[in-house]
């Protein structure tokens, strides 16, 4: 993969946000911090980070992505091994899959939170 996309959520009772790092094999690194105007669950914030990261990746011309996330729910839903039963999560999943079609290739990996 040409680019690595690292995403992470930040959510508590008072506010929510996310972080995105887009890194190219040659060492180029772009960082994006997001603060949401709405409260989001951890998984919703993770999807918001992913969608922002995918937009950033398209803007810089990335064709192939390795997506790394500490959310087992999000990575498993995208891989198809978990279903999105909640209507909000289903919308996030559908929108994410639509955006992923714009890339020549991608892989998504769960990385344990540490």
PDB file of N, CA and C in Angstrom:
ATOM      1  N   UNK A   1       0.834  -1.176   0.000  1.00  0.00           N
ATOM      2  CA  UNK A   1       0.000   0.000   0.000  1.00  0.00           C
ATOM      3  C   UNK A   1       0.888   1.251   0.000  1.00  0.00           C
ATOM      4  N   UNK A   2       0.449   2.251  -0.712  1.00  0.00           N
ATOM      5  CA  UNK A   2       1.215   3.500  -0.834  1.00  0.00           C
ATOM      6  C   UNK A   2       1.118   4.379   0.415  1.00  0.00           C
ATOM      7  N   UNK A   3      -0.042   4.346   1.054  1.00  0.00           N
ATOM      8  CA  UNK A   3      -0.302   5.216   2.192  1.00  0.00           C
ATOM      9  C   UNK A   3      -0.837   4.402   3.372  1.00  0.00           C
ATOM     10  N   UNK A   4      -0.502   4.848   4.586  1.00  0.00           N
ATOM     11  CA  UNK A   4      -1.068   4.293   5.807  1.00  0.00           C
ATOM     12  C   UNK A   4      -1.972   5.353   6.415  1.00  0.00           C
ATOM     13  N   UNK A   5      -3.181   4.953   6.784  1.00  0.00           N
ATOM     14  CA  UNK A   5      -4.138   5.847   7.410  1.00  0.00           C
ATOM     15  C   UNK A   5      -4.418   5.329   8.815  1.00  0.00           C
ATOM     16  N   UNK A   6      -3.988   6.105   9.817  1.00  0.00           N
ATOM     17  CA  UNK A   6      -4.214   5.753  11.215  1.00  0.00           C
ATOM     18  C   UNK A   6      -5.364   6.619  11.735  1.00  0.00           C
ATOM     19  N   UNK A   7      -6.340   5.987  12.375  1.00  0.00           N
ATOM     20  CA  UNK A   7      -7.470   6.734  12.908  1.00  0.00           C
ATOM     21  C   UNK A   7      -7.692   6.357  14.366  1.00  0.00           C
ATOM     22  N   UNK A   8      -8.161   7.349  15.143  1.00  0.00           N
ATOM     23  CA  UNK A   8      -8.455   7.093  16.545  1.00  0.00           C
ATOM     24  C   UNK A   8      -9.522   8.071  17.010  1.00  0.00           C
ATOM     25  N   UNK A   9     -10.436   7.573  17.813  1.00  0.00           N
ATOM     26  CA  UNK A   9     -11.513   8.404  18.329  1.00  0.00           C
ATOM     27  C   UNK A   9     -11.170   8.943  19.705  1.00  0.00           C
ATOM     28  N   UNK A  10     -11.905   9.947  20.104  1.00  0.00           N
ATOM     29  CA  UNK A  10     -11.822  10.488  21.457  1.00  0.00           C
ATOM     30  C   UNK A  10     -13.228  10.906  21.831  1.00  0.00           C
ATOM     31  N   UNK A  11     -13.804  10.216  22.787  1.00  0.00           N
ATOM     32  CA  UNK A  11     -15.191  10.485  23.129  1.00  0.00           C
ATOM     33  C   UNK A  11     -15.408  10.321  24.624  1.00  0.00           C
ATOM     34  N   UNK A  12     -16.107  11.299  25.223  1.00  0.00           N
ATOM     35  CA  UNK A  12     -16.517  11.188  26.618  1.00  0.00           C
ATOM     36  C   UNK A  12     -17.885  11.847  26.766  1.00  0.00           C
ATOM     37  N   UNK A  13     -18.365  11.999  27.977  1.00  0.00           N
ATOM     38  CA  UNK A  13     -19.714  12.534  28.181  1.00  0.00           C
ATOM     39  C   UNK A  13     -19.844  13.999  27.786  1.00  0.00           C
ATOM     40  N   UNK A  14     -18.737  14.731  27.759  1.00  0.00           N
ATOM     41  CA  UNK A  14     -18.793  16.166  27.508  1.00  0.00           C
ATOM     42  C   UNK A  14     -18.525  16.548  26.052  1.00  0.00           C
ATOM     43  N   UNK A  15     -17.644  15.825  25.383  1.00  0.00           N
ATOM     44  CA  UNK A  15     -17.294  16.183  24.005  1.00  0.00           C
ATOM     45  C   UNK A  15     -16.709  14.982  23.279  1.00  0.00           C
ATOM     46  N   UNK A  16     -16.595  15.123  21.966  1.00  0.00           N
ATOM     47  CA  UNK A  16     -16.008  14.033  21.187  1.00  0.00           C
ATOM     48  C   UNK A  16     -15.207  14.608  20.034  1.00  0.00           C
ATOM     49  N   UNK A  17     -14.273  13.803  19.566  1.00  0.00           N
ATOM     50  CA  UNK A  17     -13.409  14.206  18.473  1.00  0.00           C
ATOM     51  C   UNK A  17     -12.643  13.002  17.981  1.00  0.00           C
ATOM     52  N   UNK A  18     -11.658  13.271  17.143  1.00  0.00           N
ATOM     53  CA  UNK A  18     -10.881  12.176  16.579  1.00  0.00           C
ATOM     54  C   UNK A  18      -9.556  12.701  16.037  1.00  0.00           C
ATOM     55  N   UNK A  19      -8.666  11.766  15.794  1.00  0.00           N
ATOM     56  CA  UNK A  19      -7.380  12.087  15.207  1.00  0.00           C
ATOM     57  C   UNK A  19      -7.123  11.226  13.988  1.00  0.00           C
ATOM     58  N   UNK A  20      -6.452  11.815  13.016  1.00  0.00           N
ATOM     59  CA  UNK A  20      -6.132  11.135  11.762  1.00  0.00           C
ATOM     60  C   UNK A  20      -4.671  11.399  11.439  1.00  0.00           C
ATOM     61  N   UNK A  21      -3.963  10.358  11.071  1.00  0.00           N
ATOM     62  CA  UNK A  21      -2.603  10.507  10.554  1.00  0.00           C
ATOM     63  C   UNK A  21      -2.556   9.775   9.218  1.00  0.00           C
ATOM     64  N   UNK A  22      -2.139  10.481   8.185  1.00  0.00           N
ATOM     65  CA  UNK A  22      -1.967   9.906   6.861  1.00  0.00           C
ATOM     66  C   UNK A  22      -0.481   9.938   6.560  1.00  0.00           C
ATOM     67  N   UNK A  23       0.096   8.763   6.313  1.00  0.00           N
ATOM     68  CA  UNK A  23       1.543   8.636   6.192  1.00  0.00           C
ATOM     69  C   UNK A  23       1.882   7.910   4.903  1.00  0.00           C
ATOM     70  N   UNK A  24       2.797   8.467   4.147  1.00  0.00           N
ATOM     71  CA  UNK A  24       3.241   7.849   2.900  1.00  0.00           C
ATOM     72  C   UNK A  24       4.537   7.095   3.132  1.00  0.00           C
ATOM     73  N   UNK A  25       4.754   6.061   2.324  1.00  0.00           N
ATOM     74  CA  UNK A  25       5.961   5.240   2.467  1.00  0.00           C
ATOM     75  C   UNK A  25       7.236   6.072   2.464  1.00  0.00           C
ATOM     76  N   UNK A  26       7.267   7.142   1.675  1.00  0.00           N
ATOM     77  CA  UNK A  26       8.481   7.964   1.581  1.00  0.00           C
ATOM     78  C   UNK A  26       8.664   8.912   2.760  1.00  0.00           C
ATOM     79  N   UNK A  27       7.767   8.869   3.738  1.00  0.00           N
ATOM     80  CA  UNK A  27       7.952   9.671   4.931  1.00  0.00           C
ATOM     81  C   UNK A  27       7.034  10.871   5.056  1.00  0.00           C
ATOM     82  N   UNK A  28       6.250  11.182   4.045  1.00  0.00           N
ATOM     83  CA  UNK A  28       5.301  12.285   4.139  1.00  0.00           C
ATOM     84  C   UNK A  28       4.254  11.948   5.195  1.00  0.00           C
ATOM     85  N   UNK A  29       3.972  12.904   6.074  1.00  0.00           N
ATOM     86  CA  UNK A  29       2.983  12.649   7.117  1.00  0.00           C
ATOM     87  C   UNK A  29       2.085  13.864   7.266  1.00  0.00           C
ATOM     88  N   UNK A  30       0.785  13.611   7.240  1.00  0.00           N
ATOM     89  CA  UNK A  30      -0.218  14.648   7.447  1.00  0.00           C
ATOM     90  C   UNK A  30      -1.024  14.270   8.679  1.00  0.00           C
ATOM     91  N   UNK A  31      -1.299  15.248   9.531  1.00  0.00           N
ATOM     92  CA  UNK A  31      -2.073  14.998  10.740  1.00  0.00           C
ATOM     93  C   UNK A  31      -3.284  15.906  10.759  1.00  0.00           C
ATOM     94  N   UNK A  32      -4.385  15.360  11.262  1.00  0.00           N
ATOM     95  CA  UNK A  32      -5.641  16.095  11.323  1.00  0.00           C
ATOM     96  C   UNK A  32      -6.307  15.808  12.658  1.00  0.00           C
ATOM     97  N   UNK A  33      -6.679  16.851  13.374  1.00  0.00           N
ATOM     98  CA  UNK A  33      -7.431  16.701  14.622  1.00  0.00           C
ATOM     99  C   UNK A  33      -8.842  17.205  14.384  1.00  0.00           C
ATOM    100  N   UNK A  34      -9.813  16.441  14.852  1.00  0.00           N
ATOM    101  CA  UNK A  34     -11.214  16.790  14.647  1.00  0.00           C
ATOM    102  C   UNK A  34     -11.900  16.974  15.988  1.00  0.00           C
ATOM    103  N   UNK A  35     -12.678  18.002  16.089  1.00  0.00           N
ATOM    104  CA  UNK A  35     -13.516  18.216  17.273  1.00  0.00           C
ATOM    105  C   UNK A  35     -14.944  18.337  16.761  1.00  0.00           C
ATOM    106  N   UNK A  36     -15.798  17.485  17.247  1.00  0.00           N
ATOM    107  CA  UNK A  36     -17.159  17.435  16.743  1.00  0.00           C
ATOM    108  C   UNK A  36     -18.063  18.398  17.499  1.00  0.00           C
ATOM    109  N   UNK A  37     -19.023  18.943  16.799  1.00  0.00           N
ATOM    110  CA  UNK A  37     -20.019  19.831  17.387  1.00  0.00           C
ATOM    111  C   UNK A  37     -21.187  19.026  17.969  1.00  0.00           C
ATOM    112  N   UNK A  38     -21.034  17.727  18.019  1.00  0.00           N
ATOM    113  CA  UNK A  38     -22.079  16.833  18.507  1.00  0.00           C
ATOM    114  C   UNK A  38     -21.422  15.737  19.333  1.00  0.00           C
ATOM    115  N   UNK A  39     -22.188  15.145  20.223  1.00  0.00           N
ATOM    116  CA  UNK A  39     -21.676  14.016  20.994  1.00  0.00           C
ATOM    117  C   UNK A  39     -21.770  12.761  20.142  1.00  0.00           C
ATOM    118  N   UNK A  40     -20.744  11.970  20.177  1.00  0.00           N
ATOM    119  CA  UNK A  40     -20.701  10.742  19.383  1.00  0.00           C
ATOM    120  C   UNK A  40     -20.192   9.606  20.252  1.00  0.00           C
ATOM    121  N   UNK A  41     -20.683   8.413  19.965  1.00  0.00           N
ATOM    122  CA  UNK A  41     -20.138   7.234  20.636  1.00  0.00           C
ATOM    123  C   UNK A  41     -18.716   7.010  20.134  1.00  0.00           C
ATOM    124  N   UNK A  42     -17.988   6.144  20.794  1.00  0.00           N
ATOM    125  CA  UNK A  42     -16.628   5.842  20.342  1.00  0.00           C
ATOM    126  C   UNK A  42     -16.619   5.339  18.903  1.00  0.00           C
ATOM    127  N   UNK A  43     -17.543   4.446  18.555  1.00  0.00           N
ATOM    128  CA  UNK A  43     -17.563   3.900  17.202  1.00  0.00           C
ATOM    129  C   UNK A  43     -17.995   4.938  16.168  1.00  0.00           C
ATOM    130  N   UNK A  44     -18.930   5.815  16.532  1.00  0.00           N
ATOM    131  CA  UNK A  44     -19.318   6.886  15.625  1.00  0.00           C
ATOM    132  C   UNK A  44     -18.138   7.830  15.383  1.00  0.00           C
ATOM    133  N   UNK A  45     -17.417   8.165  16.454  1.00  0.00           N
ATOM    134  CA  UNK A  45     -16.245   9.032  16.318  1.00  0.00           C
ATOM    135  C   UNK A  45     -15.175   8.361  15.463  1.00  0.00           C
ATOM    136  N   UNK A  46     -15.032   7.057  15.590  1.00  0.00           N
ATOM    137  CA  UNK A  46     -14.056   6.321  14.782  1.00  0.00           C
ATOM    138  C   UNK A  46     -14.436   6.376  13.298  1.00  0.00           C
ATOM    139  N   UNK A  47     -15.723   6.208  13.001  1.00  0.00           N
ATOM    140  CA  UNK A  47     -16.183   6.335  11.617  1.00  0.00           C
ATOM    141  C   UNK A  47     -15.986   7.756  11.098  1.00  0.00           C
ATOM    142  N   UNK A  48     -16.254   8.755  11.918  1.00  0.00           N
ATOM    143  CA  UNK A  48     -16.038  10.141  11.498  1.00  0.00           C
ATOM    144  C   UNK A  48     -14.557  10.366  11.162  1.00  0.00           C
ATOM    145  N   UNK A  49     -13.672   9.821  11.982  1.00  0.00           N
ATOM    146  CA  UNK A  49     -12.237   9.934  11.708  1.00  0.00           C
ATOM    147  C   UNK A  49     -11.884   9.234  10.403  1.00  0.00           C
ATOM    148  N   UNK A  50     -12.447   8.059  10.195  1.00  0.00           N
ATOM    149  CA  UNK A  50     -12.171   7.306   8.978  1.00  0.00           C
ATOM    150  C   UNK A  50     -12.647   8.068   7.749  1.00  0.00           C
ATOM    151  N   UNK A  51     -13.848   8.610   7.801  1.00  0.00           N
ATOM    152  CA  UNK A  51     -14.365   9.357   6.656  1.00  0.00           C
ATOM    153  C   UNK A  51     -13.526  10.598   6.372  1.00  0.00           C
ATOM    154  N   UNK A  52     -13.095  11.291   7.415  1.00  0.00           N
ATOM    155  CA  UNK A  52     -12.219  12.454   7.234  1.00  0.00           C
ATOM    156  C   UNK A  52     -10.877  12.025   6.648  1.00  0.00           C
ATOM    157  N   UNK A  53     -10.348  10.904   7.130  1.00  0.00           N
ATOM    158  CA  UNK A  53      -9.078  10.399   6.609  1.00  0.00           C
ATOM    159  C   UNK A  53      -9.180   9.973   5.157  1.00  0.00           C
ATOM    160  N   UNK A  54     -10.295   9.363   4.779  1.00  0.00           N
ATOM    161  CA  UNK A  54     -10.489   8.967   3.380  1.00  0.00           C
ATOM    162  C   UNK A  54     -10.576  10.189   2.477  1.00  0.00           C
ATOM    163  N   UNK A  55     -11.238  11.237   2.951  1.00  0.00           N
ATOM    164  CA  UNK A  55     -11.326  12.482   2.173  1.00  0.00           C
ATOM    165  C   UNK A  55      -9.931  13.083   1.997  1.00  0.00           C
ATOM    166  N   UNK A  56      -9.164  13.128   3.068  1.00  0.00           N
ATOM    167  CA  UNK A  56      -7.804  13.652   3.004  1.00  0.00           C
ATOM    168  C   UNK A  56      -6.953  12.821   2.044  1.00  0.00           C
ATOM    169  N   UNK A  57      -7.083  11.515   2.109  1.00  0.00           N
ATOM    170  CA  UNK A  57      -6.314  10.627   1.238  1.00  0.00           C
ATOM    171  C   UNK A  57      -6.650  10.881  -0.240  1.00  0.00           C
ATOM    172  N   UNK A  58      -7.921  11.077  -0.541  1.00  0.00           N
ATOM    173  CA  UNK A  58      -8.308  11.387  -1.926  1.00  0.00           C
ATOM    174  C   UNK A  58      -7.731  12.723  -2.362  1.00  0.00           C
ATOM    175  N   UNK A  59      -7.738  13.704  -1.461  1.00  0.00           N
ATOM    176  CA  UNK A  59      -7.234  15.043  -1.786  1.00  0.00           C
ATOM    177  C   UNK A  59      -5.750  15.032  -2.130  1.00  0.00           C
ATOM    178  N   UNK A  60      -4.985  14.130  -1.537  1.00  0.00           N
ATOM    179  CA  UNK A  60      -3.550  14.066  -1.846  1.00  0.00           C
ATOM    180  C   UNK A  60      -3.248  13.058  -2.953  1.00  0.00           C
ATOM    181  N   UNK A  61      -4.287  12.441  -3.511  1.00  0.00           N
ATOM    182  CA  UNK A  61      -4.101  11.539  -4.642  1.00  0.00           C
ATOM    183  C   UNK A  61      -3.745  10.109  -4.280  1.00  0.00           C
ATOM    184  N   UNK A  62      -3.999   9.694  -3.060  1.00  0.00           N
ATOM    185  CA  UNK A  62      -3.704   8.309  -2.664  1.00  0.00           C
ATOM    186  C   UNK A  62      -4.577   7.352  -3.469  1.00  0.00           C
ATOM    187  N   UNK A  63      -3.987   6.265  -3.907  1.00  0.00           N
ATOM    188  CA  UNK A  63      -4.713   5.252  -4.660  1.00  0.00           C
ATOM    189  C   UNK A  63      -4.929   3.971  -3.854  1.00  0.00           C
ATOM    190  N   UNK A  64      -3.954   3.638  -3.012  1.00  0.00           N
ATOM    191  CA  UNK A  64      -4.013   2.421  -2.205  1.00  0.00           C
ATOM    192  C   UNK A  64      -3.730   2.779  -0.757  1.00  0.00           C
ATOM    193  N   UNK A  65      -4.561   2.249   0.131  1.00  0.00           N
ATOM    194  CA  UNK A  65      -4.475   2.597   1.549  1.00  0.00           C
ATOM    195  C   UNK A  65      -4.404   1.367   2.438  1.00  0.00           C
ATOM    196  N   UNK A  66      -3.617   1.466   3.469  1.00  0.00           N
ATOM    197  CA  UNK A  66      -3.687   0.537   4.594  1.00  0.00           C
ATOM    198  C   UNK A  66      -4.303   1.343   5.725  1.00  0.00           C
ATOM    199  N   UNK A  67      -5.475   0.926   6.190  1.00  0.00           N
ATOM    200  CA  UNK A  67      -6.204   1.638   7.227  1.00  0.00           C
ATOM    201  C   UNK A  67      -5.997   0.893   8.538  1.00  0.00           C
ATOM    202  N   UNK A  68      -5.557   1.612   9.559  1.00  0.00           N
ATOM    203  CA  UNK A  68      -5.264   1.010  10.856  1.00  0.00           C
ATOM    204  C   UNK A  68      -6.101   1.692  11.928  1.00  0.00           C
ATOM    205  N   UNK A  69      -6.867   0.895  12.660  1.00  0.00           N
ATOM    206  CA  UNK A  69      -7.789   1.414  13.655  1.00  0.00           C
ATOM    207  C   UNK A  69      -7.777   0.525  14.889  1.00  0.00           C
ATOM    208  N   UNK A  70      -7.996   1.135  16.046  1.00  0.00           N
ATOM    209  CA  UNK A  70      -8.072   0.343  17.272  1.00  0.00           C
ATOM    210  C   UNK A  70      -9.506  -0.101  17.573  1.00  0.00           C
ATOM    211  N   UNK A  71     -10.443   0.194  16.682  1.00  0.00           N
ATOM    212  CA  UNK A  71     -11.831  -0.207  16.881  1.00  0.00           C
ATOM    213  C   UNK A  71     -12.105  -1.539  16.190  1.00  0.00           C
ATOM    214  N   UNK A  72     -12.256  -2.575  16.986  1.00  0.00           N
ATOM    215  CA  UNK A  72     -12.567  -3.878  16.417  1.00  0.00           C
ATOM    216  C   UNK A  72     -13.948  -3.871  15.764  1.00  0.00           C
ATOM    217  N   UNK A  73     -14.878  -3.122  16.328  1.00  0.00           N
ATOM    218  CA  UNK A  73     -16.225  -3.048  15.760  1.00  0.00           C
ATOM    219  C   UNK A  73     -16.170  -2.453  14.356  1.00  0.00           C
ATOM    220  N   UNK A  74     -15.523  -1.311  14.205  1.00  0.00           N
ATOM    221  CA  UNK A  74     -15.468  -0.635  12.904  1.00  0.00           C
ATOM    222  C   UNK A  74     -14.712  -1.478  11.884  1.00  0.00           C
ATOM    223  N   UNK A  75     -13.546  -1.986  12.249  1.00  0.00           N
ATOM    224  CA  UNK A  75     -12.780  -2.777  11.273  1.00  0.00           C
ATOM    225  C   UNK A  75     -13.537  -4.041  10.889  1.00  0.00           C
ATOM    226  N   UNK A  76     -14.184  -4.675  11.846  1.00  0.00           N
ATOM    227  CA  UNK A  76     -14.926  -5.907  11.550  1.00  0.00           C
ATOM    228  C   UNK A  76     -16.176  -5.638  10.722  1.00  0.00           C
ATOM    229  N   UNK A  77     -16.824  -4.497  10.940  1.00  0.00           N
ATOM    230  CA  UNK A  77     -17.981  -4.156  10.103  1.00  0.00           C
ATOM    231  C   UNK A  77     -17.553  -3.917   8.660  1.00  0.00           C
ATOM    232  N   UNK A  78     -16.462  -3.235   8.465  1.00  0.00           N
ATOM    233  CA  UNK A  78     -15.989  -2.970   7.104  1.00  0.00           C
ATOM    234  C   UNK A  78     -15.552  -4.260   6.426  1.00  0.00           C
ATOM    235  N   UNK A  79     -14.887  -5.147   7.170  1.00  0.00           N
ATOM    236  CA  UNK A  79     -14.478  -6.440   6.615  1.00  0.00           C
ATOM    237  C   UNK A  79     -15.667  -7.351   6.334  1.00  0.00           C
ATOM    238  N   UNK A  80     -16.776  -7.111   7.023  1.00  0.00           N
ATOM    239  CA  UNK A  80     -17.968  -7.924   6.826  1.00  0.00           C
ATOM    240  C   UNK A  80     -18.162  -9.027   7.841  1.00  0.00           C
ATOM    241  N   UNK A  81     -17.284  -9.124   8.828  1.00  0.00           N
ATOM    242  CA  UNK A  81     -17.435 -10.174   9.831  1.00  0.00           C
ATOM    243  C   UNK A  81     -18.382  -9.765  10.968  1.00  0.00           C
ATOM    244  N   UNK A  82     -18.674  -8.458  11.114  1.00  0.00           N
ATOM    245  CA  UNK A  82     -19.685  -7.962  12.050  1.00  0.00           C
ATOM    246  C   UNK A  82     -20.754  -7.247  11.231  1.00  0.00           C
ATOM    247  N   UNK A  83     -21.976  -7.323  11.680  1.00  0.00           N
ATOM    248  CA  UNK A  83     -23.058  -6.582  11.049  1.00  0.00           C
ATOM    249  C   UNK A  83     -23.260  -5.261  11.778  1.00  0.00           C
ATOM    250  N   UNK A  84     -23.694  -4.257  11.028  1.00  0.00           N
ATOM    251  CA  UNK A  84     -24.084  -2.983  11.627  1.00  0.00           C
ATOM    252  C   UNK A  84     -25.592  -3.047  11.827  1.00  0.00           C
ATOM    253  N   UNK A  85     -26.023  -3.274  13.056  1.00  0.00           N
ATOM    254  CA  UNK A  85     -27.448  -3.446  13.337  1.00  0.00           C
ATOM    255  C   UNK A  85     -28.137  -2.123  13.640  1.00  0.00           C
ATOM    256  N   UNK A  86     -27.446  -1.218  14.291  1.00  0.00           N
ATOM    257  CA  UNK A  86     -27.979   0.095  14.610  1.00  0.00           C
ATOM    258  C   UNK A  86     -28.086   0.926  13.329  1.00  0.00           C
ATOM    259  N   UNK A  87     -29.164   1.670  13.153  1.00  0.00           N
ATOM    260  CA  UNK A  87     -29.378   2.417  11.906  1.00  0.00           C
ATOM    261  C   UNK A  87     -28.293   3.475  11.674  1.00  0.00           C
ATOM    262  N   UNK A  88     -27.829   4.111  12.738  1.00  0.00           N
ATOM    263  CA  UNK A  88     -26.769   5.112  12.584  1.00  0.00           C
ATOM    264  C   UNK A  88     -25.470   4.455  12.133  1.00  0.00           C
ATOM    265  N   UNK A  89     -25.132   3.332  12.752  1.00  0.00           N
ATOM    266  CA  UNK A  89     -23.900   2.632  12.364  1.00  0.00           C
ATOM    267  C   UNK A  89     -24.006   2.108  10.934  1.00  0.00           C
ATOM    268  N   UNK A  90     -25.186   1.675  10.537  1.00  0.00           N
ATOM    269  CA  UNK A  90     -25.400   1.194   9.169  1.00  0.00           C
ATOM    270  C   UNK A  90     -25.149   2.324   8.175  1.00  0.00           C
ATOM    271  N   UNK A  91     -25.607   3.529   8.496  1.00  0.00           N
ATOM    272  CA  UNK A  91     -25.371   4.685   7.621  1.00  0.00           C
ATOM    273  C   UNK A  91     -23.880   4.987   7.511  1.00  0.00           C
ATOM    274  N   UNK A  92     -23.183   4.941   8.656  1.00  0.00           N
ATOM    275  CA  UNK A  92     -21.731   5.164   8.629  1.00  0.00           C
ATOM    276  C   UNK A  92     -21.043   4.103   7.776  1.00  0.00           C
ATOM    277  N   UNK A  93     -21.431   2.852   7.953  1.00  0.00           N
ATOM    278  CA  UNK A  93     -20.820   1.765   7.197  1.00  0.00           C
ATOM    279  C   UNK A  93     -21.075   1.931   5.704  1.00  0.00           C
ATOM    280  N   UNK A  94     -22.308   2.238   5.331  1.00  0.00           N
ATOM    281  CA  UNK A  94     -22.636   2.426   3.912  1.00  0.00           C
ATOM    282  C   UNK A  94     -21.841   3.575   3.297  1.00  0.00           C
ATOM    283  N   UNK A  95     -21.761   4.692   4.024  1.00  0.00           N
ATOM    284  CA  UNK A  95     -21.017   5.849   3.516  1.00  0.00           C
ATOM    285  C   UNK A  95     -19.531   5.520   3.383  1.00  0.00           C
ATOM    286  N   UNK A  96     -18.992   4.793   4.352  1.00  0.00           N
ATOM    287  CA  UNK A  96     -17.582   4.402   4.304  1.00  0.00           C
ATOM    288  C   UNK A  96     -17.306   3.487   3.121  1.00  0.00           C
ATOM    289  N   UNK A  97     -18.144   2.488   2.927  1.00  0.00           N
ATOM    290  CA  UNK A  97     -17.955   1.569   1.790  1.00  0.00           C
ATOM    291  C   UNK A  97     -18.035   2.307   0.461  1.00  0.00           C
ATOM    292  N   UNK A  98     -18.930   3.292   0.375  1.00  0.00           N
ATOM    293  CA  UNK A  98     -19.046   4.100  -0.845  1.00  0.00           C
ATOM    294  C   UNK A  98     -17.741   4.860  -1.106  1.00  0.00           C
ATOM    295  N   UNK A  99     -17.153   5.431  -0.054  1.00  0.00           N
ATOM    296  CA  UNK A  99     -15.900   6.170  -0.207  1.00  0.00           C
ATOM    297  C   UNK A  99     -14.723   5.246  -0.532  1.00  0.00           C
ATOM    298  N   UNK A 100     -14.730   4.052   0.022  1.00  0.00           N
ATOM    299  CA  UNK A 100     -13.640   3.102  -0.241  1.00  0.00           C
ATOM    300  C   UNK A 100     -13.612   2.656  -1.702  1.00  0.00           C
ATOM    301  N   UNK A 101     -14.750   2.689  -2.370  1.00  0.00           N
ATOM    302  CA  UNK A 101     -14.813   2.322  -3.789  1.00  0.00           C
ATOM    303  C   UNK A 101     -14.007   3.271  -4.664  1.00  0.00           C
ATOM    304  N   UNK A 102     -13.686   4.454  -4.165  1.00  0.00           N
ATOM    305  CA  UNK A 102     -12.960   5.458  -4.936  1.00  0.00           C
ATOM    306  C   UNK A 102     -11.453   5.197  -4.968  1.00  0.00           C
ATOM    307  N   UNK A 103     -11.002   4.181  -4.237  1.00  0.00           N
ATOM    308  CA  UNK A 103      -9.580   3.833  -4.199  1.00  0.00           C
ATOM    309  C   UNK A 103      -9.334   2.573  -5.024  1.00  0.00           C
ATOM    310  N   UNK A 104      -8.128   2.457  -5.551  1.00  0.00           N
ATOM    311  CA  UNK A 104      -7.768   1.269  -6.325  1.00  0.00           C
ATOM    312  C   UNK A 104      -7.661   0.035  -5.427  1.00  0.00           C
ATOM    313  N   UNK A 105      -7.330   0.239  -4.182  1.00  0.00           N
ATOM    314  CA  UNK A 105      -7.219  -0.875  -3.256  1.00  0.00           C
ATOM    315  C   UNK A 105      -7.061  -0.369  -1.835  1.00  0.00           C
ATOM    316  N   UNK A 106      -7.457  -1.214  -0.902  1.00  0.00           N
ATOM    317  CA  UNK A 106      -7.283  -0.881   0.506  1.00  0.00           C
ATOM    318  C   UNK A 106      -7.258  -2.176   1.316  1.00  0.00           C
ATOM    319  N   UNK A 107      -6.686  -2.068   2.479  1.00  0.00           N
ATOM    320  CA  UNK A 107      -6.785  -3.130   3.474  1.00  0.00           C
ATOM    321  C   UNK A 107      -7.064  -2.428   4.790  1.00  0.00           C
ATOM    322  N   UNK A 108      -7.795  -3.098   5.645  1.00  0.00           N
ATOM    323  CA  UNK A 108      -8.105  -2.532   6.949  1.00  0.00           C
ATOM    324  C   UNK A 108      -7.653  -3.516   8.024  1.00  0.00           C
ATOM    325  N   UNK A 109      -6.979  -2.959   9.025  1.00  0.00           N
ATOM    326  CA  UNK A 109      -6.445  -3.804  10.087  1.00  0.00           C
ATOM    327  C   UNK A 109      -6.811  -3.232  11.443  1.00  0.00           C
ATOM    328  N   UNK A 110      -7.181  -4.143  12.328  1.00  0.00           N
ATOM    329  CA  UNK A 110      -7.409  -3.779  13.725  1.00  0.00           C
ATOM    330  C   UNK A 110      -6.065  -3.812  14.436  1.00  0.00           C
ATOM    331  N   UNK A 111      -5.722  -2.723  15.097  1.00  0.00           N
ATOM    332  CA  UNK A 111      -4.514  -2.700  15.909  1.00  0.00           C
ATOM    333  C   UNK A 111      -4.944  -2.474  17.362  1.00  0.00           C
ATOM    334  N   UNK A 112      -4.547  -3.335  18.261  1.00  0.00           N
ATOM    335  CA  UNK A 112      -4.985  -3.205  19.654  1.00  0.00           C
ATOM    336  C   UNK A 112      -4.578  -1.855  20.243  1.00  0.00           C
ATOM    337  N   UNK A 113      -5.467  -1.311  21.062  1.00  0.00           N
ATOM    338  CA  UNK A 113      -5.197  -0.050  21.724  1.00  0.00           C
ATOM    339  C   UNK A 113      -4.192  -0.282  22.839  1.00  0.00           C
ATOM    340  N   UNK A 114      -3.150   0.519  22.845  1.00  0.00           N
ATOM    341  CA  UNK A 114      -2.133   0.419  23.890  1.00  0.00           C
ATOM    342  C   UNK A 114      -1.567   1.763  24.219  1.00  0.00           C
TER     343      UNK A 114
END
